[in-house]
């Protein structure tokens, strides 16, 4: 049986006190492993805990981006904070953002390298067979949804990951339709050129990254 990977992240308000900020105003201090990278296995749960015992009061949240849409399990309260788990469905690098007081804590984002599962005999899919189309991969408007479509019906089994990077953070949503076509919408609050990365089973699809001009 494979030994489960469990990452511990400690959040402290000591750095806030030195800067004169109150607890909850800014990001705290995080202590992880020395490498900053954790390793998981596709189709097996990855575990991590967040120690907030010295962080004061503030909202805690996190997000995960990577080659697949990782299923996030329910949080469990422990003596010093919270335990979390997520299930990556494809191998590749996953980015974990830990937010405290609505800001990334120092050290965030963390990177988790997920390896192929030796017990998974089926294919992960062929990214070269993914078709991306729609106006959103070329242009968009500020504060309005830009959309494009992902056709994966010829790609086989696998998971899609989309990232939009540019002058501002983009809100991304997915709507699954029929015949293995997914509609992707993103909203940007600042104008400029945005890079849209589309991956399938951890690899770039044809044409990715795309560039969209948002006005």
N, C-alpha and C. Protein backbone atom coordinates (compact mmCIF):
# COMPACT_ATOMS: atom_id res chain seq x y z
N UNK A 1 0.85 -1.21 0.00
CA UNK A 1 0.00 0.00 0.00
C UNK A 1 0.88 1.24 0.00
N UNK A 2 0.55 2.21 -0.86
CA UNK A 2 1.35 3.43 -0.97
C UNK A 2 1.18 4.30 0.27
N UNK A 3 2.28 4.86 0.75
CA UNK A 3 2.23 5.78 1.88
C UNK A 3 1.60 7.09 1.44
N UNK A 4 0.58 7.53 2.16
CA UNK A 4 -0.14 8.74 1.80
C UNK A 4 0.70 9.97 2.11
N UNK A 5 0.66 10.94 1.20
CA UNK A 5 1.37 12.19 1.39
C UNK A 5 0.47 13.18 2.14
N UNK A 6 0.99 13.74 3.22
CA UNK A 6 0.22 14.70 4.01
C UNK A 6 1.10 15.91 4.26
N UNK A 7 0.68 17.05 3.75
CA UNK A 7 1.43 18.29 3.88
C UNK A 7 0.88 19.12 5.03
N UNK A 8 1.77 19.67 5.86
CA UNK A 8 1.34 20.55 6.94
C UNK A 8 1.78 21.97 6.63
N UNK A 9 0.85 22.91 6.72
CA UNK A 9 1.13 24.32 6.48
C UNK A 9 0.73 25.09 7.73
N UNK A 10 1.64 25.87 8.29
CA UNK A 10 1.37 26.63 9.51
C UNK A 10 1.21 28.10 9.18
N UNK A 11 0.12 28.71 9.65
CA UNK A 11 -0.15 30.12 9.42
C UNK A 11 -0.02 30.86 10.74
N UNK A 12 0.78 31.92 10.78
CA UNK A 12 1.03 32.67 12.00
C UNK A 12 0.84 34.16 11.76
N UNK A 13 0.46 34.88 12.79
CA UNK A 13 0.30 36.33 12.65
C UNK A 13 1.52 37.09 13.15
N UNK A 14 2.64 36.41 13.44
CA UNK A 14 3.81 37.10 13.99
C UNK A 14 4.38 38.12 13.01
N UNK A 15 4.36 37.81 11.72
CA UNK A 15 4.87 38.76 10.73
C UNK A 15 3.97 39.99 10.66
N UNK A 16 2.65 39.79 10.80
CA UNK A 16 1.73 40.92 10.79
C UNK A 16 2.02 41.86 11.96
N UNK A 17 2.32 41.29 13.13
CA UNK A 17 2.57 42.12 14.30
C UNK A 17 3.81 42.99 14.10
N UNK A 18 4.84 42.41 13.47
CA UNK A 18 6.06 43.19 13.24
C UNK A 18 5.80 44.34 12.27
N UNK A 19 4.86 44.17 11.34
CA UNK A 19 4.59 45.21 10.36
C UNK A 19 3.52 46.20 10.84
N UNK A 20 2.95 45.95 12.03
CA UNK A 20 1.95 46.86 12.56
C UNK A 20 0.55 46.58 12.06
N UNK A 21 0.34 45.46 11.34
CA UNK A 21 -0.98 45.13 10.84
C UNK A 21 -1.70 44.27 11.86
N UNK A 22 -3.02 44.37 11.86
CA UNK A 22 -3.83 43.57 12.77
C UNK A 22 -4.10 42.20 12.14
N UNK A 23 -4.34 41.22 12.99
CA UNK A 23 -4.67 39.89 12.49
C UNK A 23 -5.88 39.95 11.59
N UNK A 24 -5.80 39.28 10.45
CA UNK A 24 -6.90 39.28 9.50
C UNK A 24 -6.75 40.33 8.43
N UNK A 25 -5.83 41.31 8.60
CA UNK A 25 -5.66 42.35 7.61
C UNK A 25 -4.82 41.90 6.44
N UNK A 26 -3.81 41.11 6.73
CA UNK A 26 -2.88 40.72 5.68
C UNK A 26 -2.52 39.26 5.85
N UNK A 27 -1.69 38.77 4.94
CA UNK A 27 -1.34 37.36 4.97
C UNK A 27 -0.32 37.08 6.08
N UNK A 28 -0.40 35.86 6.62
CA UNK A 28 0.47 35.49 7.72
C UNK A 28 1.71 34.78 7.27
N UNK A 29 2.32 34.07 8.19
CA UNK A 29 3.58 33.39 7.94
C UNK A 29 3.31 31.91 7.74
N UNK A 30 3.88 31.34 6.70
CA UNK A 30 3.62 29.94 6.38
C UNK A 30 4.90 29.15 6.45
N UNK A 31 4.84 27.98 7.04
CA UNK A 31 5.98 27.09 7.09
C UNK A 31 5.58 25.78 6.42
N UNK A 32 6.29 25.42 5.35
CA UNK A 32 6.02 24.16 4.67
C UNK A 32 7.28 23.31 4.69
N UNK A 33 7.34 22.34 3.78
CA UNK A 33 8.56 21.56 3.72
C UNK A 33 9.65 22.38 3.02
N UNK A 34 10.89 21.94 3.11
CA UNK A 34 12.00 22.73 2.61
C UNK A 34 11.98 22.87 1.09
N UNK A 35 11.49 21.86 0.40
CA UNK A 35 11.52 21.90 -1.07
C UNK A 35 10.42 22.76 -1.65
N UNK A 36 9.33 22.94 -0.91
CA UNK A 36 8.19 23.70 -1.44
C UNK A 36 7.35 22.88 -2.39
N UNK A 37 7.74 21.63 -2.66
CA UNK A 37 7.00 20.77 -3.56
C UNK A 37 6.57 19.51 -2.82
N UNK A 38 5.34 19.09 -3.06
CA UNK A 38 4.85 17.85 -2.50
C UNK A 38 4.48 16.93 -3.66
N UNK A 39 4.47 15.65 -3.40
CA UNK A 39 4.21 14.69 -4.45
C UNK A 39 2.96 13.90 -4.14
N UNK A 40 2.11 13.73 -5.14
CA UNK A 40 0.91 12.93 -5.01
C UNK A 40 0.82 11.97 -6.19
N UNK A 41 -0.26 11.22 -6.23
CA UNK A 41 -0.49 10.23 -7.28
C UNK A 41 -1.87 10.45 -7.85
N UNK A 42 -1.98 10.45 -9.17
CA UNK A 42 -3.26 10.64 -9.82
C UNK A 42 -4.26 9.57 -9.38
N UNK A 43 -5.50 10.00 -9.17
CA UNK A 43 -6.61 9.13 -8.78
C UNK A 43 -6.49 8.61 -7.36
N UNK A 44 -5.61 9.22 -6.55
CA UNK A 44 -5.51 8.92 -5.13
C UNK A 44 -5.58 10.23 -4.35
N UNK A 45 -6.21 10.22 -3.16
CA UNK A 45 -6.36 11.47 -2.40
C UNK A 45 -5.01 12.04 -1.97
N UNK A 46 -4.89 13.37 -2.05
CA UNK A 46 -3.75 14.10 -1.50
C UNK A 46 -4.25 14.87 -0.27
N UNK A 47 -3.48 14.83 0.80
CA UNK A 47 -3.90 15.42 2.06
C UNK A 47 -2.99 16.58 2.46
N UNK A 48 -3.57 17.60 3.06
CA UNK A 48 -2.77 18.64 3.68
C UNK A 48 -3.57 19.25 4.82
N UNK A 49 -2.85 19.83 5.76
CA UNK A 49 -3.50 20.48 6.90
C UNK A 49 -2.98 21.90 7.02
N UNK A 50 -3.81 22.78 7.53
CA UNK A 50 -3.46 24.18 7.73
C UNK A 50 -3.57 24.49 9.22
N UNK A 51 -2.46 24.89 9.81
CA UNK A 51 -2.40 25.22 11.23
C UNK A 51 -2.65 26.72 11.39
N UNK A 52 -3.79 27.06 11.96
CA UNK A 52 -4.15 28.47 12.15
C UNK A 52 -4.15 28.87 13.62
N UNK A 53 -3.52 28.06 14.47
CA UNK A 53 -3.60 28.29 15.91
C UNK A 53 -2.96 29.61 16.33
N UNK A 54 -2.01 30.15 15.52
CA UNK A 54 -1.34 31.40 15.88
C UNK A 54 -1.68 32.52 14.90
N UNK A 55 -2.75 32.35 14.15
CA UNK A 55 -3.05 33.31 13.09
C UNK A 55 -4.14 34.31 13.45
N UNK A 56 -4.71 34.21 14.63
CA UNK A 56 -5.79 35.13 14.97
C UNK A 56 -7.07 34.78 14.23
N UNK A 57 -7.88 35.80 13.98
CA UNK A 57 -9.16 35.59 13.32
C UNK A 57 -9.08 36.06 11.87
N UNK A 58 -9.69 35.31 10.97
CA UNK A 58 -9.70 35.69 9.56
C UNK A 58 -10.25 34.55 8.73
N UNK A 59 -10.80 34.85 7.55
CA UNK A 59 -11.33 33.80 6.68
C UNK A 59 -10.22 33.01 6.02
N UNK A 60 -10.37 31.70 6.02
CA UNK A 60 -9.41 30.80 5.39
C UNK A 60 -10.06 30.17 4.18
N UNK A 61 -9.37 30.20 3.05
CA UNK A 61 -9.88 29.56 1.85
C UNK A 61 -8.71 29.09 1.01
N UNK A 62 -8.98 28.22 0.04
CA UNK A 62 -7.92 27.76 -0.85
C UNK A 62 -8.53 27.39 -2.19
N UNK A 63 -7.68 27.36 -3.20
CA UNK A 63 -8.09 26.95 -4.54
C UNK A 63 -6.99 26.10 -5.15
N UNK A 64 -7.36 25.23 -6.08
CA UNK A 64 -6.42 24.33 -6.73
C UNK A 64 -6.59 24.43 -8.23
N UNK A 65 -5.48 24.62 -8.92
CA UNK A 65 -5.47 24.64 -10.38
C UNK A 65 -4.45 23.64 -10.88
N UNK A 66 -4.78 22.94 -11.95
CA UNK A 66 -3.86 21.96 -12.48
C UNK A 66 -4.39 21.29 -13.72
N UNK A 67 -3.80 20.17 -14.11
CA UNK A 67 -4.19 19.48 -15.33
C UNK A 67 -5.62 18.95 -15.31
N UNK A 68 -6.18 18.73 -14.13
CA UNK A 68 -7.55 18.26 -14.02
C UNK A 68 -8.28 19.08 -12.97
N UNK A 69 -9.60 19.02 -13.01
CA UNK A 69 -10.40 19.66 -11.97
C UNK A 69 -10.41 18.73 -10.77
N UNK A 70 -9.60 19.03 -9.79
CA UNK A 70 -9.46 18.15 -8.63
C UNK A 70 -10.71 18.23 -7.76
N UNK A 71 -11.21 17.07 -7.38
CA UNK A 71 -12.34 17.01 -6.45
C UNK A 71 -11.84 17.35 -5.05
N UNK A 72 -12.49 18.31 -4.41
CA UNK A 72 -12.09 18.76 -3.08
C UNK A 72 -13.03 18.16 -2.04
N UNK A 73 -12.45 17.45 -1.09
CA UNK A 73 -13.25 16.83 -0.05
C UNK A 73 -13.61 17.80 1.05
N UNK A 74 -14.50 17.41 1.94
CA UNK A 74 -14.90 18.30 3.05
C UNK A 74 -13.75 18.52 4.02
N UNK A 75 -13.71 19.71 4.63
CA UNK A 75 -12.68 20.01 5.62
C UNK A 75 -13.06 19.39 6.96
N UNK A 76 -12.05 19.07 7.74
CA UNK A 76 -12.26 18.54 9.08
C UNK A 76 -11.46 19.38 10.08
N UNK A 77 -12.11 19.76 11.13
CA UNK A 77 -11.46 20.57 12.16
C UNK A 77 -10.55 19.69 13.00
N UNK A 78 -9.33 20.17 13.27
CA UNK A 78 -8.45 19.47 14.20
C UNK A 78 -8.09 20.41 15.35
N UNK A 79 -7.15 20.02 16.20
CA UNK A 79 -6.83 20.83 17.38
C UNK A 79 -6.20 22.17 17.03
N UNK A 80 -5.52 22.25 15.90
CA UNK A 80 -4.79 23.47 15.56
C UNK A 80 -5.29 24.16 14.29
N UNK A 81 -6.24 23.57 13.60
CA UNK A 81 -6.70 24.19 12.35
C UNK A 81 -7.63 23.27 11.59
N UNK A 82 -7.26 22.99 10.34
CA UNK A 82 -8.15 22.21 9.49
C UNK A 82 -7.36 21.20 8.67
N UNK A 83 -8.00 20.06 8.40
CA UNK A 83 -7.47 19.04 7.49
C UNK A 83 -8.27 19.09 6.20
N UNK A 84 -7.55 18.98 5.06
CA UNK A 84 -8.20 19.00 3.75
C UNK A 84 -7.70 17.84 2.92
N UNK A 85 -8.45 17.51 1.87
CA UNK A 85 -7.99 16.54 0.90
C UNK A 85 -8.53 16.91 -0.47
N UNK A 86 -7.78 16.54 -1.51
CA UNK A 86 -8.27 16.72 -2.87
C UNK A 86 -7.85 15.53 -3.70
N UNK A 87 -8.61 15.26 -4.76
CA UNK A 87 -8.38 14.09 -5.60
C UNK A 87 -8.02 14.54 -7.01
N UNK A 88 -6.73 14.52 -7.36
CA UNK A 88 -6.33 14.86 -8.73
C UNK A 88 -6.64 13.70 -9.67
N UNK A 89 -7.19 13.99 -10.82
CA UNK A 89 -7.62 12.94 -11.74
C UNK A 89 -6.63 12.69 -12.87
N UNK A 90 -5.60 13.51 -12.96
CA UNK A 90 -4.60 13.34 -14.01
C UNK A 90 -3.24 13.77 -13.45
N UNK A 91 -2.16 13.23 -14.00
CA UNK A 91 -0.82 13.64 -13.53
C UNK A 91 -0.47 15.04 -14.00
N UNK A 92 0.53 15.63 -13.34
CA UNK A 92 1.00 16.96 -13.70
C UNK A 92 1.21 17.82 -12.47
N UNK A 93 1.52 19.09 -12.69
CA UNK A 93 1.75 20.03 -11.59
C UNK A 93 0.46 20.73 -11.21
N UNK A 94 0.16 20.73 -9.92
CA UNK A 94 -1.03 21.40 -9.39
C UNK A 94 -0.59 22.58 -8.52
N UNK A 95 -1.29 23.69 -8.66
CA UNK A 95 -0.98 24.90 -7.91
C UNK A 95 -2.02 25.09 -6.81
N UNK A 96 -1.55 25.19 -5.58
CA UNK A 96 -2.43 25.31 -4.41
C UNK A 96 -2.27 26.71 -3.81
N UNK A 97 -3.34 27.51 -3.88
CA UNK A 97 -3.36 28.84 -3.28
C UNK A 97 -4.02 28.74 -1.90
N UNK A 98 -3.31 29.18 -0.86
CA UNK A 98 -3.87 29.27 0.49
C UNK A 98 -4.11 30.75 0.78
N UNK A 99 -5.36 31.09 1.05
CA UNK A 99 -5.72 32.48 1.30
C UNK A 99 -6.14 32.66 2.76
N UNK A 100 -5.59 33.70 3.37
CA UNK A 100 -5.95 34.07 4.74
C UNK A 100 -6.23 35.57 4.73
N UNK A 101 -7.43 35.96 5.12
CA UNK A 101 -7.81 37.36 5.00
C UNK A 101 -7.89 37.80 3.55
N UNK A 102 -8.27 36.86 2.66
CA UNK A 102 -8.46 37.12 1.22
C UNK A 102 -7.16 37.45 0.49
N UNK A 103 -6.02 37.07 1.06
CA UNK A 103 -4.74 37.26 0.40
C UNK A 103 -3.93 35.98 0.49
N UNK A 104 -3.08 35.76 -0.54
CA UNK A 104 -2.18 34.61 -0.48
C UNK A 104 -1.26 34.76 0.72
N UNK A 105 -1.11 33.69 1.49
CA UNK A 105 -0.16 33.71 2.60
C UNK A 105 1.24 33.58 2.03
N UNK A 106 2.28 34.04 2.74
CA UNK A 106 3.66 33.89 2.26
C UNK A 106 3.97 32.43 1.94
N UNK A 107 4.58 32.22 0.80
CA UNK A 107 4.87 30.88 0.34
C UNK A 107 3.84 30.34 -0.62
N UNK A 108 2.64 30.93 -0.60
CA UNK A 108 1.59 30.53 -1.52
C UNK A 108 1.74 31.31 -2.82
N UNK A 109 1.56 30.67 -3.97
CA UNK A 109 1.03 29.32 -4.15
C UNK A 109 2.10 28.24 -3.97
N UNK A 110 1.64 27.07 -3.50
CA UNK A 110 2.49 25.90 -3.37
C UNK A 110 2.29 25.01 -4.61
N UNK A 111 3.26 24.19 -4.90
CA UNK A 111 3.18 23.30 -6.05
C UNK A 111 3.19 21.85 -5.60
N UNK A 112 2.23 21.09 -6.10
CA UNK A 112 2.18 19.66 -5.84
C UNK A 112 2.35 18.92 -7.16
N UNK A 113 3.40 18.12 -7.24
CA UNK A 113 3.66 17.35 -8.46
C UNK A 113 2.97 16.00 -8.33
N UNK A 114 1.97 15.78 -9.17
CA UNK A 114 1.21 14.54 -9.14
C UNK A 114 1.72 13.59 -10.22
N UNK A 115 2.08 12.40 -9.80
CA UNK A 115 2.66 11.42 -10.71
C UNK A 115 1.57 10.53 -11.31
N UNK A 116 1.94 9.82 -12.37
CA UNK A 116 1.02 8.85 -12.95
C UNK A 116 0.77 7.71 -11.97
N UNK A 117 -0.43 7.18 -12.03
CA UNK A 117 -0.81 6.08 -11.15
C UNK A 117 -0.45 4.77 -11.83
N UNK A 118 0.46 4.01 -11.22
CA UNK A 118 0.93 2.76 -11.82
C UNK A 118 -0.18 1.71 -11.90
N UNK A 119 -1.22 1.87 -11.07
CA UNK A 119 -2.31 0.90 -11.07
C UNK A 119 -3.41 1.26 -12.06
N UNK A 120 -3.29 2.43 -12.67
CA UNK A 120 -4.29 2.85 -13.65
C UNK A 120 -3.86 2.35 -15.03
N UNK A 121 -4.59 1.36 -15.56
CA UNK A 121 -4.21 0.72 -16.81
C UNK A 121 -4.76 1.44 -18.03
N UNK A 122 -5.79 2.23 -17.87
CA UNK A 122 -6.40 2.90 -19.00
C UNK A 122 -5.63 4.13 -19.43
N UNK A 123 -5.90 4.66 -20.61
CA UNK A 123 -5.21 5.87 -21.08
C UNK A 123 -5.72 7.11 -20.36
N UNK A 124 -4.90 8.15 -20.35
CA UNK A 124 -5.31 9.42 -19.79
C UNK A 124 -5.88 10.34 -20.85
N UNK A 125 -5.87 9.93 -22.08
CA UNK A 125 -6.43 10.75 -23.16
C UNK A 125 -5.35 11.37 -24.02
N UNK A 126 -5.76 11.87 -25.19
CA UNK A 126 -4.84 12.45 -26.16
C UNK A 126 -5.12 13.94 -26.32
N UNK A 127 -4.25 14.81 -25.79
CA UNK A 127 -4.51 16.25 -25.88
C UNK A 127 -4.53 16.77 -27.30
N UNK A 128 -3.88 16.08 -28.22
CA UNK A 128 -3.85 16.54 -29.62
C UNK A 128 -5.21 16.46 -30.28
N UNK A 129 -6.14 15.72 -29.68
CA UNK A 129 -7.47 15.56 -30.25
C UNK A 129 -8.48 16.57 -29.70
N UNK A 130 -8.05 17.43 -28.79
CA UNK A 130 -8.95 18.44 -28.22
C UNK A 130 -9.07 19.62 -29.19
N UNK A 131 -10.30 20.06 -29.43
CA UNK A 131 -10.57 21.19 -30.31
C UNK A 131 -11.07 22.36 -29.47
N UNK A 132 -10.41 23.50 -29.60
CA UNK A 132 -10.80 24.71 -28.87
C UNK A 132 -11.26 25.75 -29.88
N UNK A 133 -12.45 26.31 -29.67
CA UNK A 133 -12.97 27.30 -30.61
C UNK A 133 -13.89 28.28 -29.89
N UNK A 134 -14.11 29.41 -30.52
CA UNK A 134 -14.99 30.42 -29.95
C UNK A 134 -14.30 31.76 -29.84
N UNK A 135 -15.07 32.84 -29.75
CA UNK A 135 -14.49 34.20 -29.76
C UNK A 135 -13.61 34.50 -28.55
N UNK A 136 -13.84 33.81 -27.41
CA UNK A 136 -13.12 34.13 -26.19
C UNK A 136 -11.64 33.81 -26.21
N UNK A 137 -11.18 33.01 -27.16
CA UNK A 137 -9.73 32.73 -27.23
C UNK A 137 -8.99 33.83 -27.98
N UNK A 138 -9.75 34.80 -28.52
CA UNK A 138 -9.12 35.91 -29.25
C UNK A 138 -9.43 37.28 -28.66
N UNK A 139 -10.63 37.42 -28.07
CA UNK A 139 -11.02 38.76 -27.61
C UNK A 139 -12.07 38.67 -26.51
N UNK A 140 -12.23 39.80 -25.81
CA UNK A 140 -13.24 39.90 -24.77
C UNK A 140 -13.42 41.34 -24.35
N UNK A 141 -14.38 41.56 -23.46
CA UNK A 141 -14.66 42.89 -22.94
C UNK A 141 -14.58 42.88 -21.42
N UNK A 142 -14.11 43.99 -20.86
CA UNK A 142 -13.96 44.11 -19.42
C UNK A 142 -15.31 43.94 -18.72
N UNK A 143 -15.32 43.15 -17.65
CA UNK A 143 -16.49 42.92 -16.81
C UNK A 143 -17.64 42.24 -17.55
N UNK A 144 -17.35 41.61 -18.69
CA UNK A 144 -18.36 40.84 -19.41
C UNK A 144 -17.80 39.44 -19.68
N UNK A 145 -18.66 38.41 -19.60
CA UNK A 145 -18.16 37.05 -19.85
C UNK A 145 -17.68 36.88 -21.30
N UNK A 146 -16.48 36.41 -21.45
CA UNK A 146 -15.97 35.97 -22.76
C UNK A 146 -16.04 34.46 -22.76
N UNK A 147 -16.41 33.86 -23.87
CA UNK A 147 -16.61 32.43 -23.86
C UNK A 147 -15.94 31.73 -25.04
N UNK A 148 -15.57 30.49 -24.79
CA UNK A 148 -15.08 29.61 -25.85
C UNK A 148 -15.48 28.19 -25.48
N UNK A 149 -15.22 27.25 -26.39
CA UNK A 149 -15.71 25.90 -26.21
C UNK A 149 -14.57 24.89 -26.35
N UNK A 150 -14.69 23.80 -25.58
CA UNK A 150 -13.73 22.70 -25.62
C UNK A 150 -14.45 21.45 -26.08
N UNK A 151 -14.01 20.90 -27.19
CA UNK A 151 -14.58 19.67 -27.74
C UNK A 151 -13.58 18.54 -27.49
N UNK A 152 -13.95 17.61 -26.61
CA UNK A 152 -13.02 16.53 -26.23
C UNK A 152 -13.54 15.16 -26.64
N UNK A 153 -14.53 15.11 -27.51
CA UNK A 153 -15.15 13.82 -27.82
C UNK A 153 -14.21 12.84 -28.51
N UNK A 154 -13.17 13.35 -29.18
CA UNK A 154 -12.20 12.47 -29.85
C UNK A 154 -10.94 12.26 -29.02
N UNK A 155 -10.88 12.88 -27.83
CA UNK A 155 -9.64 12.88 -27.06
C UNK A 155 -9.50 11.71 -26.10
N UNK A 156 -10.60 11.00 -25.84
CA UNK A 156 -10.53 9.91 -24.89
C UNK A 156 -10.68 10.40 -23.46
N UNK A 157 -10.46 9.51 -22.48
CA UNK A 157 -10.63 9.91 -21.08
C UNK A 157 -9.55 10.87 -20.63
N UNK A 158 -9.93 11.82 -19.80
CA UNK A 158 -8.98 12.80 -19.30
C UNK A 158 -9.70 14.00 -18.74
N UNK A 159 -8.96 14.90 -18.16
CA UNK A 159 -9.53 16.09 -17.55
C UNK A 159 -8.91 17.34 -18.15
N UNK A 160 -9.74 18.38 -18.22
CA UNK A 160 -9.33 19.66 -18.81
C UNK A 160 -8.99 20.64 -17.71
N UNK A 161 -7.94 21.43 -17.91
CA UNK A 161 -7.58 22.52 -17.01
C UNK A 161 -7.39 23.79 -17.82
N UNK A 162 -7.96 24.88 -17.34
CA UNK A 162 -7.88 26.17 -18.03
C UNK A 162 -7.34 27.21 -17.07
N UNK A 163 -6.38 28.00 -17.53
CA UNK A 163 -5.85 29.12 -16.75
C UNK A 163 -5.84 30.36 -17.62
N UNK A 164 -6.24 31.49 -17.04
CA UNK A 164 -6.25 32.78 -17.73
C UNK A 164 -5.39 33.73 -16.93
N UNK A 165 -4.29 34.21 -17.53
CA UNK A 165 -3.36 35.09 -16.83
C UNK A 165 -3.16 36.37 -17.62
N UNK A 166 -3.15 37.48 -16.91
CA UNK A 166 -2.97 38.77 -17.55
C UNK A 166 -2.95 39.89 -16.54
N UNK A 167 -3.39 41.08 -16.93
CA UNK A 167 -3.34 42.24 -16.03
C UNK A 167 -4.16 42.08 -14.75
N UNK A 168 -5.20 41.26 -14.79
CA UNK A 168 -6.01 41.03 -13.59
C UNK A 168 -6.34 39.56 -13.48
N UNK A 169 -6.75 39.14 -12.28
CA UNK A 169 -7.19 37.77 -12.08
C UNK A 169 -8.53 37.58 -12.77
N UNK A 170 -8.72 36.46 -13.44
CA UNK A 170 -9.96 36.19 -14.17
C UNK A 170 -10.79 35.16 -13.43
N UNK A 171 -12.09 35.40 -13.37
CA UNK A 171 -13.03 34.42 -12.82
C UNK A 171 -13.42 33.47 -13.95
N UNK A 172 -13.23 32.17 -13.74
CA UNK A 172 -13.46 31.17 -14.78
C UNK A 172 -14.59 30.23 -14.35
N UNK A 173 -15.49 29.93 -15.27
CA UNK A 173 -16.58 28.99 -15.00
C UNK A 173 -16.71 28.01 -16.16
N UNK A 174 -17.23 26.83 -15.85
CA UNK A 174 -17.39 25.77 -16.84
C UNK A 174 -18.84 25.31 -16.87
N UNK A 175 -19.35 25.08 -18.07
CA UNK A 175 -20.69 24.53 -18.24
C UNK A 175 -20.60 23.35 -19.20
N UNK A 176 -20.89 22.17 -18.69
CA UNK A 176 -20.81 20.97 -19.53
C UNK A 176 -22.07 20.86 -20.39
N UNK A 177 -21.86 20.61 -21.67
CA UNK A 177 -22.96 20.41 -22.60
C UNK A 177 -22.97 18.99 -23.13
N UNK A 178 -23.77 18.77 -24.14
CA UNK A 178 -23.86 17.46 -24.73
C UNK A 178 -22.70 17.17 -25.66
N UNK A 179 -22.52 15.89 -25.99
CA UNK A 179 -21.52 15.44 -26.96
C UNK A 179 -20.10 15.82 -26.54
N UNK A 180 -19.84 15.83 -25.20
CA UNK A 180 -18.50 16.10 -24.66
C UNK A 180 -17.95 17.47 -25.05
N UNK A 181 -18.83 18.45 -25.12
CA UNK A 181 -18.42 19.83 -25.38
C UNK A 181 -18.68 20.65 -24.12
N UNK A 182 -17.66 21.38 -23.68
CA UNK A 182 -17.77 22.21 -22.48
C UNK A 182 -17.62 23.68 -22.85
N UNK A 183 -18.52 24.51 -22.33
CA UNK A 183 -18.41 25.96 -22.52
C UNK A 183 -17.61 26.55 -21.37
N UNK A 184 -16.62 27.36 -21.71
CA UNK A 184 -15.79 28.04 -20.72
C UNK A 184 -16.05 29.53 -20.80
N UNK A 185 -16.30 30.14 -19.67
CA UNK A 185 -16.48 31.60 -19.60
C UNK A 185 -15.48 32.17 -18.61
N UNK A 186 -14.95 33.34 -18.93
CA UNK A 186 -14.07 34.03 -18.00
C UNK A 186 -14.39 35.52 -18.02
N UNK A 187 -14.17 36.16 -16.88
CA UNK A 187 -14.46 37.58 -16.73
C UNK A 187 -13.21 38.27 -16.20
N UNK A 188 -12.75 39.30 -16.91
CA UNK A 188 -11.58 40.08 -16.51
C UNK A 188 -12.02 41.49 -16.10
N UNK A 189 -11.38 42.04 -15.08
CA UNK A 189 -11.79 43.37 -14.62
C UNK A 189 -10.88 44.47 -15.15
N UNK A 190 -9.75 44.09 -15.76
CA UNK A 190 -8.83 45.08 -16.34
C UNK A 190 -8.59 44.76 -17.81
N UNK A 191 -8.44 45.78 -18.65
CA UNK A 191 -8.14 45.52 -20.06
C UNK A 191 -6.70 45.07 -20.25
N UNK A 192 -6.42 44.50 -21.42
CA UNK A 192 -5.07 44.07 -21.74
C UNK A 192 -5.06 42.74 -22.46
N UNK A 193 -3.87 42.21 -22.65
CA UNK A 193 -3.69 40.93 -23.33
C UNK A 193 -3.59 39.82 -22.29
N UNK A 194 -4.39 38.78 -22.44
CA UNK A 194 -4.45 37.66 -21.51
C UNK A 194 -4.00 36.38 -22.21
N UNK A 195 -3.19 35.60 -21.52
CA UNK A 195 -2.78 34.28 -22.01
C UNK A 195 -3.76 33.24 -21.48
N UNK A 196 -4.30 32.45 -22.38
CA UNK A 196 -5.25 31.40 -22.00
C UNK A 196 -4.59 30.05 -22.25
N UNK A 197 -4.31 29.34 -21.18
CA UNK A 197 -3.68 28.03 -21.27
C UNK A 197 -4.74 26.95 -21.11
N UNK A 198 -4.77 26.03 -22.05
CA UNK A 198 -5.70 24.90 -21.99
C UNK A 198 -4.88 23.62 -22.01
N UNK A 199 -5.07 22.79 -20.97
CA UNK A 199 -4.37 21.51 -20.90
C UNK A 199 -5.37 20.37 -20.79
N UNK A 200 -4.98 19.23 -21.34
CA UNK A 200 -5.79 18.02 -21.24
C UNK A 200 -4.88 16.89 -20.77
N UNK A 201 -5.26 16.28 -19.65
CA UNK A 201 -4.42 15.24 -19.04
C UNK A 201 -3.00 15.75 -18.78
N UNK A 202 -2.90 17.01 -18.40
CA UNK A 202 -1.62 17.58 -17.99
C UNK A 202 -0.77 18.13 -19.11
N UNK A 203 -1.25 18.08 -20.37
CA UNK A 203 -0.46 18.56 -21.50
C UNK A 203 -1.23 19.62 -22.29
N UNK A 204 -0.48 20.52 -22.91
CA UNK A 204 -1.09 21.59 -23.70
C UNK A 204 -1.83 21.01 -24.90
N UNK A 205 -2.98 21.61 -25.21
CA UNK A 205 -3.73 21.22 -26.40
C UNK A 205 -3.25 22.06 -27.57
N UNK A 206 -3.54 21.66 -28.81
CA UNK A 206 -3.09 22.44 -29.98
C UNK A 206 -3.55 23.90 -29.91
N UNK A 207 -2.62 24.82 -30.17
CA UNK A 207 -2.92 26.24 -30.15
C UNK A 207 -2.70 26.92 -28.82
N UNK A 208 -2.61 26.15 -27.74
CA UNK A 208 -2.41 26.71 -26.39
C UNK A 208 -0.93 27.01 -26.17
N UNK A 209 -0.62 28.15 -25.52
CA UNK A 209 -1.55 29.15 -24.97
C UNK A 209 -2.10 30.09 -26.05
N UNK A 210 -3.37 30.46 -25.88
CA UNK A 210 -4.00 31.42 -26.76
C UNK A 210 -3.82 32.82 -26.17
N UNK A 211 -3.96 33.83 -27.00
CA UNK A 211 -3.88 35.23 -26.53
C UNK A 211 -5.16 35.96 -26.90
N UNK A 212 -5.79 36.53 -25.87
CA UNK A 212 -7.03 37.27 -26.06
C UNK A 212 -6.83 38.72 -25.68
N UNK A 213 -7.30 39.61 -26.49
CA UNK A 213 -7.23 41.04 -26.23
C UNK A 213 -8.53 41.49 -25.58
N UNK A 214 -8.46 41.88 -24.33
CA UNK A 214 -9.64 42.31 -23.57
C UNK A 214 -9.66 43.83 -23.54
N UNK A 215 -10.76 44.43 -23.99
CA UNK A 215 -10.86 45.89 -24.07
C UNK A 215 -12.01 46.38 -23.20
